[in-house]
Amino acid sequence: MILTLKAHATEKEIKQVTAKIKELGFQAHVSKGEVKTIIGVVGEKAITTRGIFETITAVEAITPISKPYKLVSREFKKENSVIKIGNGVQIGGKKIVIIAGPCSVESRDRLIDIAKRVKSVGAACLRGGAFKPRTSPYSFQGLGEEALRYLSEAREITGLPVVTEVMSPETLELVGRYADVLQIGARNMQNYDLLKEVGNYKKPVLLKRGLSATVEELLMSAEYIMSRGNYNVILCERGIRTYETATRFTLDLNAIPVIKHHSHLPVIVDPSHGVGVRSYIPSMGLAAIAAGADGLMLEVHSKPEEALCDGSQSLLPDQLTKMMKELKGIAAVVGRTL
């Protein structure tokens, strides 16, 4: 349930309420607004203690949360969350954020070249895989820590915060030393041990929707992270499996307004994986922004024919330049900036 405290509740009053919540064996999740503070009371049968909180003078209102996800829901937080990463990049505000780079880090020189190119046309973050979950065990699996070092160097040169995937609890500390944002890939969306660990880690998390996951399942996975105290979660729609074979996946743009209705978390879209066909990516990226997405994640490669992973769905730098110009127009129409 949600406890709404009276306007301008003092720190002492907030601490008294949270102490009572913990005393009763529940978790207290505090969200401070400009005027009022909201505290989520999370735990089995928390609603049965409603009468206790009604006697606390600092509590103005008590609201049950009907959704199975609590902290992720609009009921817990009415206003949109804005996630801050790296050197001041904000995801979820008025500005559309573009995350761009190669699917996989292949070499130092190529990564830095691509990083400079995407920075020059307005990308705000650099993406690149160091550890790659592949369908085939014989496919390129990534360069590991060597790739993380290259990503760190690219950040130093360009100033772009780094987004890269963490695949297991065992590699979290290693990846966390280099990354500004921890990406949870589609195949790990329901790896609950990993979700709990990144929830404890407190670094921003980009959570991708699973290949066959419902929106509710995506939000429940986000709840795992937030229930551990990490509220810096960015959701990512990246396409789901359907009967259609013309594209790699079916990019579910319906998910954007649905998530925005049910959750306060920011949403970005990955049209590269969503369609898997280079020529379709710009159109779907534009459509995603028109539908309300807070940003895009795009795969970009200077020589996709030589790419060790997903070359066919990687934009050429010139295509990204053209797309960025078109995105500015769409952003303006929906009251956003790029």
C-alpha atoms as a PDB file:
ATOM      1  CA  MET A   1       0.000   0.000   0.000  1.00  0.00           C
ATOM      2  CA  ILE A   2       0.982   3.662  -0.312  1.00  0.00           C
ATOM      3  CA  LEU A   3       1.231   6.126   2.547  1.00  0.00           C
ATOM      4  CA  THR A   4       0.897   9.738   1.461  1.00  0.00           C
ATOM      5  CA  LEU A   5       2.342  12.025   4.122  1.00  0.00           C
ATOM      6  CA  LYS A   6       1.030  15.489   4.843  1.00  0.00           C
ATOM      7  CA  ALA A   7       2.495  18.392   2.884  1.00  0.00           C
ATOM      8  CA  HIS A   8       6.060  19.297   3.861  1.00  0.00           C
ATOM      9  CA  ALA A   9       6.448  16.415   6.312  1.00  0.00           C
ATOM     10  CA  THR A  10       9.703  16.768   8.243  1.00  0.00           C
ATOM     11  CA  GLU A  11      12.628  14.353   8.045  1.00  0.00           C
ATOM     12  CA  LYS A  12      11.874  13.328  11.621  1.00  0.00           C
ATOM     13  CA  GLU A  13       8.283  12.428  10.699  1.00  0.00           C
ATOM     14  CA  ILE A  14       9.433  10.483   7.631  1.00  0.00           C
ATOM     15  CA  LYS A  15      11.915   8.520   9.741  1.00  0.00           C
ATOM     16  CA  GLN A  16       9.244   7.752  12.335  1.00  0.00           C
ATOM     17  CA  VAL A  17       6.935   6.320   9.683  1.00  0.00           C
ATOM     18  CA  THR A  18       9.677   4.243   8.010  1.00  0.00           C
ATOM     19  CA  ALA A  19      10.794   2.948  11.396  1.00  0.00           C
ATOM     20  CA  LYS A  20       7.266   1.724  12.125  1.00  0.00           C
ATOM     21  CA  ILE A  21       7.080   0.022   8.720  1.00  0.00           C
ATOM     22  CA  LYS A  22      10.337  -1.845   9.381  1.00  0.00           C
ATOM     23  CA  GLU A  23       9.263  -2.692  12.914  1.00  0.00           C
ATOM     24  CA  LEU A  24       6.227  -4.445  11.439  1.00  0.00           C
ATOM     25  CA  GLY A  25       8.479  -6.500   9.166  1.00  0.00           C
ATOM     26  CA  PHE A  26       7.836  -4.706   5.857  1.00  0.00           C
ATOM     27  CA  GLN A  27       9.980  -2.755   3.412  1.00  0.00           C
ATOM     28  CA  ALA A  28       9.696   1.042   3.225  1.00  0.00           C
ATOM     29  CA  HIS A  29      10.336   2.730  -0.140  1.00  0.00           C
ATOM     30  CA  VAL A  30      10.392   6.515   0.044  1.00  0.00           C
ATOM     31  CA  SER A  31       9.610   8.825  -2.885  1.00  0.00           C
ATOM     32  CA  LYS A  32       9.975  12.541  -2.114  1.00  0.00           C
ATOM     33  CA  GLY A  33       8.107  15.066  -4.224  1.00  0.00           C
ATOM     34  CA  GLU A  34       8.332  18.848  -4.106  1.00  0.00           C
ATOM     35  CA  VAL A  35       5.455  19.080  -1.627  1.00  0.00           C
ATOM     36  CA  LYS A  36       4.519  15.604  -0.462  1.00  0.00           C
ATOM     37  CA  THR A  37       6.378  12.434   0.399  1.00  0.00           C
ATOM     38  CA  ILE A  38       5.017   9.030  -0.561  1.00  0.00           C
ATOM     39  CA  ILE A  39       6.121   5.836   1.162  1.00  0.00           C
ATOM     40  CA  GLY A  40       5.479   2.432  -0.334  1.00  0.00           C
ATOM     41  CA  VAL A  41       4.845  -0.313   2.205  1.00  0.00           C
ATOM     42  CA  VAL A  42       5.847  -3.589   0.578  1.00  0.00           C
ATOM     43  CA  GLY A  43       5.389  -7.023   2.046  1.00  0.00           C
ATOM     44  CA  GLU A  44       2.925  -9.869   2.330  1.00  0.00           C
ATOM     45  CA  LYS A  45      -0.305  -8.782   4.034  1.00  0.00           C
ATOM     46  CA  ALA A  46       0.939  -5.205   4.459  1.00  0.00           C
ATOM     47  CA  ILE A  47      -2.590  -3.951   3.850  1.00  0.00           C
ATOM     48  CA  THR A  48      -3.765  -5.628   7.095  1.00  0.00           C
ATOM     49  CA  THR A  49      -1.757  -3.053   9.079  1.00  0.00           C
ATOM     50  CA  ARG A  50      -3.680  -0.118   7.615  1.00  0.00           C
ATOM     51  CA  GLY A  51      -5.291   0.679  10.946  1.00  0.00           C
ATOM     52  CA  ILE A  52      -1.906   1.179  12.596  1.00  0.00           C
ATOM     53  CA  PHE A  53      -0.844   3.808  10.063  1.00  0.00           C
ATOM     54  CA  GLU A  54      -4.177   5.607  10.278  1.00  0.00           C
ATOM     55  CA  THR A  55      -3.226   6.597  13.834  1.00  0.00           C
ATOM     56  CA  ILE A  56       0.024   8.311  12.785  1.00  0.00           C
ATOM     57  CA  THR A  57      -0.563  12.058  12.482  1.00  0.00           C
ATOM     58  CA  ALA A  58       1.974  12.546   9.655  1.00  0.00           C
ATOM     59  CA  VAL A  59       0.016  10.184   7.383  1.00  0.00           C
ATOM     60  CA  GLU A  60      -2.571  11.983   5.257  1.00  0.00           C
ATOM     61  CA  ALA A  61      -3.887   9.120   3.098  1.00  0.00           C
ATOM     62  CA  ILE A  62      -3.522   5.379   2.637  1.00  0.00           C
ATOM     63  CA  THR A  63      -4.025   3.811  -0.779  1.00  0.00           C
ATOM     64  CA  PRO A  64      -3.931   0.089  -1.624  1.00  0.00           C
ATOM     65  CA  ILE A  65      -1.885  -0.794  -4.732  1.00  0.00           C
ATOM     66  CA  SER A  66      -3.935  -3.065  -6.962  1.00  0.00           C
ATOM     67  CA  LYS A  67      -1.128  -4.050  -9.363  1.00  0.00           C
ATOM     68  CA  PRO A  68       1.127  -7.062  -8.655  1.00  0.00           C
ATOM     69  CA  TYR A  69       4.068  -4.705  -9.242  1.00  0.00           C
ATOM     70  CA  LYS A  70       4.133  -2.001  -6.583  1.00  0.00           C
ATOM     71  CA  LEU A  71       7.129   0.330  -6.843  1.00  0.00           C
ATOM     72  CA  VAL A  72       7.025   0.325 -10.644  1.00  0.00           C
ATOM     73  CA  SER A  73       3.381   1.378 -10.795  1.00  0.00           C
ATOM     74  CA  ARG A  74       1.804   4.784 -11.440  1.00  0.00           C
ATOM     75  CA  GLU A  75      -0.074   4.248  -8.201  1.00  0.00           C
ATOM     76  CA  PHE A  76       3.221   4.492  -6.322  1.00  0.00           C
ATOM     77  CA  LYS A  77       4.510   7.490  -8.293  1.00  0.00           C
ATOM     78  CA  LYS A  78       2.316   9.732 -10.434  1.00  0.00           C
ATOM     79  CA  GLU A  79       5.039  11.769 -12.144  1.00  0.00           C
ATOM     80  CA  ASN A  80       7.470  10.327 -14.693  1.00  0.00           C
ATOM     81  CA  SER A  81      10.813   9.164 -13.345  1.00  0.00           C
ATOM     82  CA  VAL A  82      13.920  10.737 -14.858  1.00  0.00           C
ATOM     83  CA  ILE A  83      17.036   8.581 -14.663  1.00  0.00           C
ATOM     84  CA  LYS A  84      20.385  10.376 -14.516  1.00  0.00           C
ATOM     85  CA  ILE A  85      23.447   8.661 -15.932  1.00  0.00           C
ATOM     86  CA  GLY A  86      27.097   9.437 -16.541  1.00  0.00           C
ATOM     87  CA  ASN A  87      27.957  13.073 -17.045  1.00  0.00           C
ATOM     88  CA  GLY A  88      24.464  14.478 -16.710  1.00  0.00           C
ATOM     89  CA  VAL A  89      22.495  12.588 -19.361  1.00  0.00           C
ATOM     90  CA  GLN A  90      18.848  12.289 -18.314  1.00  0.00           C
ATOM     91  CA  ILE A  91      16.439   9.673 -19.654  1.00  0.00           C
ATOM     92  CA  GLY A  92      12.744  10.325 -19.179  1.00  0.00           C
ATOM     93  CA  GLY A  93      12.741  14.104 -19.449  1.00  0.00           C
ATOM     94  CA  LYS A  94      11.879  16.351 -22.382  1.00  0.00           C
ATOM     95  CA  LYS A  95      15.038  15.493 -24.319  1.00  0.00           C
ATOM     96  CA  ILE A  96      15.092  12.338 -26.452  1.00  0.00           C
ATOM     97  CA  VAL A  97      18.225  10.291 -25.733  1.00  0.00           C
ATOM     98  CA  ILE A  98      20.023   8.299 -28.419  1.00  0.00           C
ATOM     99  CA  ILE A  99      22.240   5.380 -27.358  1.00  0.00           C
ATOM    100  CA  ALA A 100      24.346   4.205 -30.296  1.00  0.00           C
ATOM    101  CA  GLY A 101      27.312   2.004 -31.108  1.00  0.00           C
ATOM    102  CA  PRO A 102      28.285  -1.454 -32.315  1.00  0.00           C
ATOM    103  CA  CYS A 103      26.490  -4.594 -31.226  1.00  0.00           C
ATOM    104  CA  SER A 104      29.801  -6.020 -30.097  1.00  0.00           C
ATOM    105  CA  VAL A 105      33.170  -4.452 -29.335  1.00  0.00           C
ATOM    106  CA  GLU A 106      35.541  -5.943 -31.923  1.00  0.00           C
ATOM    107  CA  SER A 107      38.697  -3.834 -31.608  1.00  0.00           C
ATOM    108  CA  ARG A 108      39.927  -0.666 -29.923  1.00  0.00           C
ATOM    109  CA  ASP A 109      40.377   1.401 -33.064  1.00  0.00           C
ATOM    110  CA  ARG A 110      37.033   0.474 -34.593  1.00  0.00           C
ATOM    111  CA  LEU A 111      35.148   1.165 -31.360  1.00  0.00           C
ATOM    112  CA  ILE A 112      36.737   4.578 -30.873  1.00  0.00           C
ATOM    113  CA  ASP A 113      36.084   5.477 -34.515  1.00  0.00           C
ATOM    114  CA  ILE A 114      32.382   4.571 -34.169  1.00  0.00           C
ATOM    115  CA  ALA A 115      32.153   6.368 -30.812  1.00  0.00           C
ATOM    116  CA  LYS A 116      33.467   9.587 -32.348  1.00  0.00           C
ATOM    117  CA  ARG A 117      31.041   9.291 -35.253  1.00  0.00           C
ATOM    118  CA  VAL A 118      27.932   8.757 -33.168  1.00  0.00           C
ATOM    119  CA  LYS A 119      28.966  11.557 -30.789  1.00  0.00           C
ATOM    120  CA  SER A 120      29.392  13.958 -33.720  1.00  0.00           C
ATOM    121  CA  VAL A 121      25.762  13.551 -34.820  1.00  0.00           C
ATOM    122  CA  GLY A 122      24.206  13.860 -31.379  1.00  0.00           C
ATOM    123  CA  ALA A 123      24.217  10.475 -29.641  1.00  0.00           C
ATOM    124  CA  ALA A 124      24.261  10.886 -25.861  1.00  0.00           C
ATOM    125  CA  CYS A 125      25.510   7.405 -24.851  1.00  0.00           C
ATOM    126  CA  LEU A 126      27.731   4.707 -26.313  1.00  0.00           C
ATOM    127  CA  ARG A 127      26.585   1.093 -26.470  1.00  0.00           C
ATOM    128  CA  GLY A 128      28.798  -1.917 -27.081  1.00  0.00           C
ATOM    129  CA  GLY A 129      28.813  -5.552 -26.005  1.00  0.00           C
ATOM    130  CA  ALA A 130      31.752  -6.991 -24.078  1.00  0.00           C
ATOM    131  CA  PHE A 131      30.019 -10.272 -23.228  1.00  0.00           C
ATOM    132  CA  LYS A 132      27.581 -11.519 -25.883  1.00  0.00           C
ATOM    133  CA  PRO A 133      24.833 -14.098 -25.261  1.00  0.00           C
ATOM    134  CA  ARG A 134      24.559 -15.929 -28.578  1.00  0.00           C
ATOM    135  CA  THR A 135      22.138 -18.565 -29.766  1.00  0.00           C
ATOM    136  CA  SER A 136      24.994 -20.690 -31.087  1.00  0.00           C
ATOM    137  CA  PRO A 137      27.898 -21.639 -28.788  1.00  0.00           C
ATOM    138  CA  TYR A 138      30.180 -21.306 -31.827  1.00  0.00           C
ATOM    139  CA  SER A 139      29.341 -17.656 -32.503  1.00  0.00           C
ATOM    140  CA  PHE A 140      31.524 -14.769 -31.327  1.00  0.00           C
ATOM    141  CA  GLN A 141      31.012 -14.354 -27.575  1.00  0.00           C
ATOM    142  CA  GLY A 142      32.732 -11.002 -27.060  1.00  0.00           C
ATOM    143  CA  LEU A 143      36.173  -9.856 -25.887  1.00  0.00           C
ATOM    144  CA  GLY A 144      35.282  -9.692 -22.190  1.00  0.00           C
ATOM    145  CA  GLU A 145      37.350  -7.387 -19.990  1.00  0.00           C
ATOM    146  CA  GLU A 146      39.463  -6.298 -22.944  1.00  0.00           C
ATOM    147  CA  ALA A 147      36.313  -4.852 -24.517  1.00  0.00           C
ATOM    148  CA  LEU A 148      35.386  -3.147 -21.239  1.00  0.00           C
ATOM    149  CA  ARG A 149      38.753  -1.399 -21.238  1.00  0.00           C
ATOM    150  CA  TYR A 150      38.156  -0.197 -24.792  1.00  0.00           C
ATOM    151  CA  LEU A 151      34.725   1.111 -23.816  1.00  0.00           C
ATOM    152  CA  SER A 152      36.245   2.971 -20.892  1.00  0.00           C
ATOM    153  CA  GLU A 153      38.850   4.539 -23.176  1.00  0.00           C
ATOM    154  CA  ALA A 154      36.167   5.545 -25.678  1.00  0.00           C
ATOM    155  CA  ARG A 155      34.295   7.260 -22.844  1.00  0.00           C
ATOM    156  CA  GLU A 156      37.415   9.195 -21.866  1.00  0.00           C
ATOM    157  CA  ILE A 157      37.905  10.361 -25.456  1.00  0.00           C
ATOM    158  CA  THR A 158      34.296  11.241 -26.318  1.00  0.00           C
ATOM    159  CA  GLY A 159      32.654  11.890 -22.952  1.00  0.00           C
ATOM    160  CA  LEU A 160      29.854   9.443 -23.819  1.00  0.00           C
ATOM    161  CA  PRO A 161      28.548   7.330 -20.898  1.00  0.00           C
ATOM    162  CA  VAL A 162      28.847   3.589 -21.551  1.00  0.00           C
ATOM    163  CA  VAL A 163      25.941   1.131 -21.737  1.00  0.00           C
ATOM    164  CA  THR A 164      26.980  -2.526 -21.778  1.00  0.00           C
ATOM    165  CA  GLU A 165      25.449  -5.860 -20.861  1.00  0.00           C
ATOM    166  CA  VAL A 166      26.009  -7.830 -17.692  1.00  0.00           C
ATOM    167  CA  MET A 167      25.147 -11.509 -18.082  1.00  0.00           C
ATOM    168  CA  SER A 168      25.608 -13.020 -14.640  1.00  0.00           C
ATOM    169  CA  PRO A 169      25.972 -12.137 -10.956  1.00  0.00           C
ATOM    170  CA  GLU A 170      29.549 -13.388 -11.170  1.00  0.00           C
ATOM    171  CA  THR A 171      30.562 -10.730 -13.714  1.00  0.00           C
ATOM    172  CA  LEU A 172      28.596  -7.858 -12.144  1.00  0.00           C
ATOM    173  CA  GLU A 173      31.504  -6.379 -10.181  1.00  0.00           C
ATOM    174  CA  LEU A 174      33.749  -6.507 -13.247  1.00  0.00           C
ATOM    175  CA  VAL A 175      31.238  -4.902 -15.608  1.00  0.00           C
ATOM    176  CA  GLY A 176      30.172  -2.405 -12.956  1.00  0.00           C
ATOM    177  CA  ARG A 177      33.722  -1.044 -12.698  1.00  0.00           C
ATOM    178  CA  TYR A 178      33.564   0.084 -16.327  1.00  0.00           C
ATOM    179  CA  ALA A 179      29.886   0.670 -17.203  1.00  0.00           C
ATOM    180  CA  ASP A 180      27.723   3.711 -16.522  1.00  0.00           C
ATOM    181  CA  VAL A 181      24.551   1.718 -17.245  1.00  0.00           C
ATOM    182  CA  LEU A 182      24.127  -2.021 -16.688  1.00  0.00           C
ATOM    183  CA  GLN A 183      22.130  -3.613 -19.479  1.00  0.00           C
ATOM    184  CA  ILE A 184      20.050  -6.701 -18.747  1.00  0.00           C
ATOM    185  CA  GLY A 185      19.515  -8.426 -22.071  1.00  0.00           C
ATOM    186  CA  ALA A 186      16.282  -9.970 -23.320  1.00  0.00           C
ATOM    187  CA  ARG A 187      17.442 -13.490 -22.519  1.00  0.00           C
ATOM    188  CA  ASN A 188      18.139 -12.497 -18.906  1.00  0.00           C
ATOM    189  CA  MET A 189      14.968 -10.514 -18.228  1.00  0.00           C
ATOM    190  CA  GLN A 190      13.756 -13.244 -15.878  1.00  0.00           C
ATOM    191  CA  ASN A 191      17.139 -14.180 -14.437  1.00  0.00           C
ATOM    192  CA  TYR A 192      15.942 -13.303 -10.950  1.00  0.00           C
ATOM    193  CA  ASP A 193      19.278 -13.830  -9.209  1.00  0.00           C
ATOM    194  CA  LEU A 194      20.859 -11.313 -11.583  1.00  0.00           C
ATOM    195  CA  LEU A 195      17.962  -8.857 -11.145  1.00  0.00           C
ATOM    196  CA  LYS A 196      18.370  -8.985  -7.377  1.00  0.00           C
ATOM    197  CA  GLU A 197      22.104  -8.346  -7.610  1.00  0.00           C
ATOM    198  CA  VAL A 198      21.798  -5.319  -9.896  1.00  0.00           C
ATOM    199  CA  GLY A 199      19.079  -4.128  -7.522  1.00  0.00           C
ATOM    200  CA  ASN A 200      21.654  -4.141  -4.745  1.00  0.00           C
ATOM    201  CA  TYR A 201      24.324  -2.539  -6.940  1.00  0.00           C
ATOM    202  CA  LYS A 202      22.527   0.827  -7.317  1.00  0.00           C
ATOM    203  CA  LYS A 203      23.901   1.703 -10.775  1.00  0.00           C
ATOM    204  CA  PRO A 204      21.345   2.594 -13.498  1.00  0.00           C
ATOM    205  CA  VAL A 205      19.892  -0.491 -15.186  1.00  0.00           C
ATOM    206  CA  LEU A 206      18.558  -0.796 -18.736  1.00  0.00           C
ATOM    207  CA  LEU A 207      16.131  -3.723 -18.666  1.00  0.00           C
ATOM    208  CA  LYS A 208      15.208  -5.239 -22.020  1.00  0.00           C
ATOM    209  CA  ARG A 209      11.922  -7.011 -22.610  1.00  0.00           C
ATOM    210  CA  GLY A 210      12.201 -10.770 -23.102  1.00  0.00           C
ATOM    211  CA  LEU A 211      11.614 -12.357 -26.495  1.00  0.00           C
ATOM    212  CA  SER A 212       8.214 -13.723 -25.470  1.00  0.00           C
ATOM    213  CA  ALA A 213       7.468 -11.682 -22.357  1.00  0.00           C
ATOM    214  CA  THR A 214       4.287  -9.758 -21.689  1.00  0.00           C
ATOM    215  CA  VAL A 215       4.403  -6.138 -20.580  1.00  0.00           C
ATOM    216  CA  GLU A 216       3.329  -7.210 -17.093  1.00  0.00           C
ATOM    217  CA  GLU A 217       6.208  -9.702 -16.910  1.00  0.00           C
ATOM    218  CA  LEU A 218       8.624  -6.928 -17.909  1.00  0.00           C
ATOM    219  CA  LEU A 219       7.259  -4.687 -15.160  1.00  0.00           C
ATOM    220  CA  MET A 220       7.487  -7.512 -12.625  1.00  0.00           C
ATOM    221  CA  SER A 221      11.158  -7.963 -13.539  1.00  0.00           C
ATOM    222  CA  ALA A 222      11.698  -4.247 -12.973  1.00  0.00           C
ATOM    223  CA  GLU A 223       9.995  -4.687  -9.586  1.00  0.00           C
ATOM    224  CA  TYR A 224      12.661  -7.227  -8.603  1.00  0.00           C
ATOM    225  CA  ILE A 225      15.338  -4.586  -9.167  1.00  0.00           C
ATOM    226  CA  MET A 226      13.475  -1.764  -7.436  1.00  0.00           C
ATOM    227  CA  SER A 227      12.477  -3.918  -4.471  1.00  0.00           C
ATOM    228  CA  ARG A 228      16.183  -4.122  -3.615  1.00  0.00           C
ATOM    229  CA  GLY A 229      16.449  -0.332  -3.481  1.00  0.00           C
ATOM    230  CA  ASN A 230      17.692   0.523  -6.984  1.00  0.00           C
ATOM    231  CA  TYR A 231      15.107   2.878  -8.500  1.00  0.00           C
ATOM    232  CA  ASN A 232      17.276   3.783 -11.494  1.00  0.00           C
ATOM    233  CA  VAL A 233      15.563   1.503 -14.013  1.00  0.00           C
ATOM    234  CA  ILE A 234      15.065   2.181 -17.733  1.00  0.00           C
ATOM    235  CA  LEU A 235      12.772  -0.158 -19.669  1.00  0.00           C
ATOM    236  CA  CYS A 236      13.512  -1.200 -23.250  1.00  0.00           C
ATOM    237  CA  GLU A 237      11.136  -2.569 -25.891  1.00  0.00           C
ATOM    238  CA  ARG A 238      13.215  -4.586 -28.379  1.00  0.00           C
ATOM    239  CA  GLY A 239      10.708  -6.695 -30.261  1.00  0.00           C
ATOM    240  CA  ILE A 240       8.923  -9.936 -29.468  1.00  0.00           C
ATOM    241  CA  ARG A 241       8.484 -13.254 -31.248  1.00  0.00           C
ATOM    242  CA  THR A 242       5.363 -13.627 -33.357  1.00  0.00           C
ATOM    243  CA  TYR A 243       4.414 -15.682 -36.408  1.00  0.00           C
ATOM    244  CA  GLU A 244       5.808 -12.971 -38.751  1.00  0.00           C
ATOM    245  CA  THR A 245       9.051 -13.896 -40.533  1.00  0.00           C
ATOM    246  CA  ALA A 246       9.605 -10.798 -42.685  1.00  0.00           C
ATOM    247  CA  THR A 247      11.518  -9.232 -39.802  1.00  0.00           C
ATOM    248  CA  ARG A 248      13.717 -10.671 -37.076  1.00  0.00           C
ATOM    249  CA  PHE A 249      11.146  -9.838 -34.382  1.00  0.00           C
ATOM    250  CA  THR A 250       7.937  -7.822 -34.227  1.00  0.00           C
ATOM    251  CA  LEU A 251       8.598  -4.410 -32.673  1.00  0.00           C
ATOM    252  CA  ASP A 252       5.713  -3.907 -30.266  1.00  0.00           C
ATOM    253  CA  LEU A 253       5.095  -0.159 -30.322  1.00  0.00           C
ATOM    254  CA  ASN A 254       1.853  -0.794 -28.420  1.00  0.00           C
ATOM    255  CA  ALA A 255       4.066  -1.439 -25.411  1.00  0.00           C
ATOM    256  CA  ILE A 256       5.145   2.208 -25.177  1.00  0.00           C
ATOM    257  CA  PRO A 257       1.770   3.792 -24.285  1.00  0.00           C
ATOM    258  CA  VAL A 258       0.796   0.723 -22.258  1.00  0.00           C
ATOM    259  CA  ILE A 259       3.929   0.963 -20.098  1.00  0.00           C
ATOM    260  CA  LYS A 260       3.555   4.734 -19.804  1.00  0.00           C
ATOM    261  CA  HIS A 261      -0.005   4.233 -18.562  1.00  0.00           C
ATOM    262  CA  HIS A 262       0.867   1.643 -15.942  1.00  0.00           C
ATOM    263  CA  SER A 263       4.372   2.743 -14.889  1.00  0.00           C
ATOM    264  CA  HIS A 264       6.376   5.880 -14.182  1.00  0.00           C
ATOM    265  CA  LEU A 265       9.625   4.420 -15.539  1.00  0.00           C
ATOM    266  CA  PRO A 266      11.205   5.754 -18.755  1.00  0.00           C
ATOM    267  CA  VAL A 267      10.958   3.655 -21.916  1.00  0.00           C
ATOM    268  CA  ILE A 268      13.410   3.440 -24.774  1.00  0.00           C
ATOM    269  CA  VAL A 269      13.091   1.379 -27.952  1.00  0.00           C
ATOM    270  CA  ASP A 270      15.652  -0.765 -29.762  1.00  0.00           C
ATOM    271  CA  PRO A 271      14.482  -0.911 -33.395  1.00  0.00           C
ATOM    272  CA  SER A 272      17.728  -2.593 -34.475  1.00  0.00           C
ATOM    273  CA  HIS A 273      16.822  -5.844 -32.742  1.00  0.00           C
ATOM    274  CA  GLY A 274      13.125  -5.159 -33.193  1.00  0.00           C
ATOM    275  CA  VAL A 275      13.223  -5.573 -36.976  1.00  0.00           C
ATOM    276  CA  GLY A 276      16.724  -6.861 -37.745  1.00  0.00           C
ATOM    277  CA  VAL A 277      16.737  -5.266 -41.204  1.00  0.00           C
ATOM    278  CA  ARG A 278      18.863  -2.168 -41.702  1.00  0.00           C
ATOM    279  CA  SER A 279      16.525  -0.397 -44.127  1.00  0.00           C
ATOM    280  CA  TYR A 280      13.528  -0.662 -41.759  1.00  0.00           C
ATOM    281  CA  ILE A 281      15.252   0.730 -38.671  1.00  0.00           C
ATOM    282  CA  PRO A 282      14.844   4.487 -39.335  1.00  0.00           C
ATOM    283  CA  SER A 283      11.100   4.220 -39.934  1.00  0.00           C
ATOM    284  CA  MET A 284      10.527   2.236 -36.756  1.00  0.00           C
ATOM    285  CA  GLY A 285      12.755   4.575 -34.755  1.00  0.00           C
ATOM    286  CA  LEU A 286      10.715   7.560 -35.900  1.00  0.00           C
ATOM    287  CA  ALA A 287       7.495   5.711 -35.082  1.00  0.00           C
ATOM    288  CA  ALA A 288       8.770   4.883 -31.596  1.00  0.00           C
ATOM    289  CA  ILE A 289       9.417   8.533 -30.778  1.00  0.00           C
ATOM    290  CA  ALA A 290       6.009   9.487 -32.160  1.00  0.00           C
ATOM    291  CA  ALA A 291       4.480   6.839 -29.863  1.00  0.00           C
ATOM    292  CA  GLY A 292       6.086   8.398 -26.781  1.00  0.00           C
ATOM    293  CA  ALA A 293       9.439   6.657 -26.327  1.00  0.00           C
ATOM    294  CA  ASP A 294      12.040   8.536 -24.282  1.00  0.00           C
ATOM    295  CA  GLY A 295      14.924   7.410 -26.475  1.00  0.00           C
ATOM    296  CA  LEU A 296      16.343   4.891 -28.903  1.00  0.00           C
ATOM    297  CA  MET A 297      19.097   2.294 -28.788  1.00  0.00           C
ATOM    298  CA  LEU A 298      20.676   1.901 -32.228  1.00  0.00           C
ATOM    299  CA  GLU A 299      23.355  -0.400 -33.566  1.00  0.00           C
ATOM    300  CA  VAL A 300      25.879   1.456 -35.708  1.00  0.00           C
ATOM    301  CA  HIS A 301      28.901   0.044 -37.537  1.00  0.00           C
ATOM    302  CA  SER A 302      31.318   1.647 -40.016  1.00  0.00           C
ATOM    303  CA  LYS A 303      31.748  -1.641 -41.915  1.00  0.00           C
ATOM    304  CA  PRO A 304      28.769  -3.871 -41.146  1.00  0.00           C
ATOM    305  CA  GLU A 305      29.856  -6.413 -43.738  1.00  0.00           C
ATOM    306  CA  GLU A 306      32.837  -7.136 -41.459  1.00  0.00           C
ATOM    307  CA  ALA A 307      30.869  -7.119 -38.191  1.00  0.00           C
ATOM    308  CA  LEU A 308      31.256 -10.159 -35.956  1.00  0.00           C
ATOM    309  CA  CYS A 309      27.692  -9.755 -34.674  1.00  0.00           C
ATOM    310  CA  ASP A 310      24.446  -8.372 -36.160  1.00  0.00           C
ATOM    311  CA  GLY A 311      25.970  -6.573 -39.129  1.00  0.00           C
ATOM    312  CA  SER A 312      22.741  -6.793 -41.119  1.00  0.00           C
ATOM    313  CA  GLN A 313      20.876  -4.695 -38.540  1.00  0.00           C
ATOM    314  CA  SER A 314      23.587  -2.079 -37.998  1.00  0.00           C
ATOM    315  CA  LEU A 315      23.145   1.387 -39.435  1.00  0.00           C
ATOM    316  CA  LEU A 316      25.944   2.990 -41.401  1.00  0.00           C
ATOM    317  CA  PRO A 317      27.152   6.310 -39.932  1.00  0.00           C
ATOM    318  CA  ASP A 318      25.651   8.229 -42.879  1.00  0.00           C
ATOM    319  CA  GLN A 319      22.289   6.564 -42.248  1.00  0.00           C
ATOM    320  CA  LEU A 320      22.456   7.594 -38.596  1.00  0.00           C
ATOM    321  CA  THR A 321      23.211  11.180 -39.627  1.00  0.00           C
ATOM    322  CA  LYS A 322      20.137  11.272 -41.873  1.00  0.00           C
ATOM    323  CA  MET A 323      17.988   9.597 -39.233  1.00  0.00           C
ATOM    324  CA  MET A 324      19.007  12.116 -36.566  1.00  0.00           C
ATOM    325  CA  LYS A 325      17.812  14.978 -38.753  1.00  0.00           C
ATOM    326  CA  GLU A 326      14.466  13.265 -39.241  1.00  0.00           C
ATOM    327  CA  LEU A 327      14.172  12.523 -35.529  1.00  0.00           C
ATOM    328  CA  LYS A 328      14.487  16.212 -34.701  1.00  0.00           C
ATOM    329  CA  GLY A 329      11.343  16.883 -36.717  1.00  0.00           C
ATOM    330  CA  ILE A 330       9.359  14.126 -35.011  1.00  0.00           C
ATOM    331  CA  ALA A 331      10.614  15.187 -31.582  1.00  0.00           C
ATOM    332  CA  ALA A 332       9.426  18.744 -32.183  1.00  0.00           C
ATOM    333  CA  VAL A 333       5.961  17.555 -33.221  1.00  0.00           C
ATOM    334  CA  VAL A 334       5.506  15.632 -29.955  1.00  0.00           C
ATOM    335  CA  GLY A 335       6.895  18.445 -27.819  1.00  0.00           C
ATOM    336  CA  ARG A 336      10.344  16.931 -27.229  1.00  0.00           C
ATOM    337  CA  THR A 337      13.898  17.907 -28.173  1.00  0.00           C
ATOM    338  CA  LEU A 338      16.818  15.877 -29.489  1.00  0.00           C
END
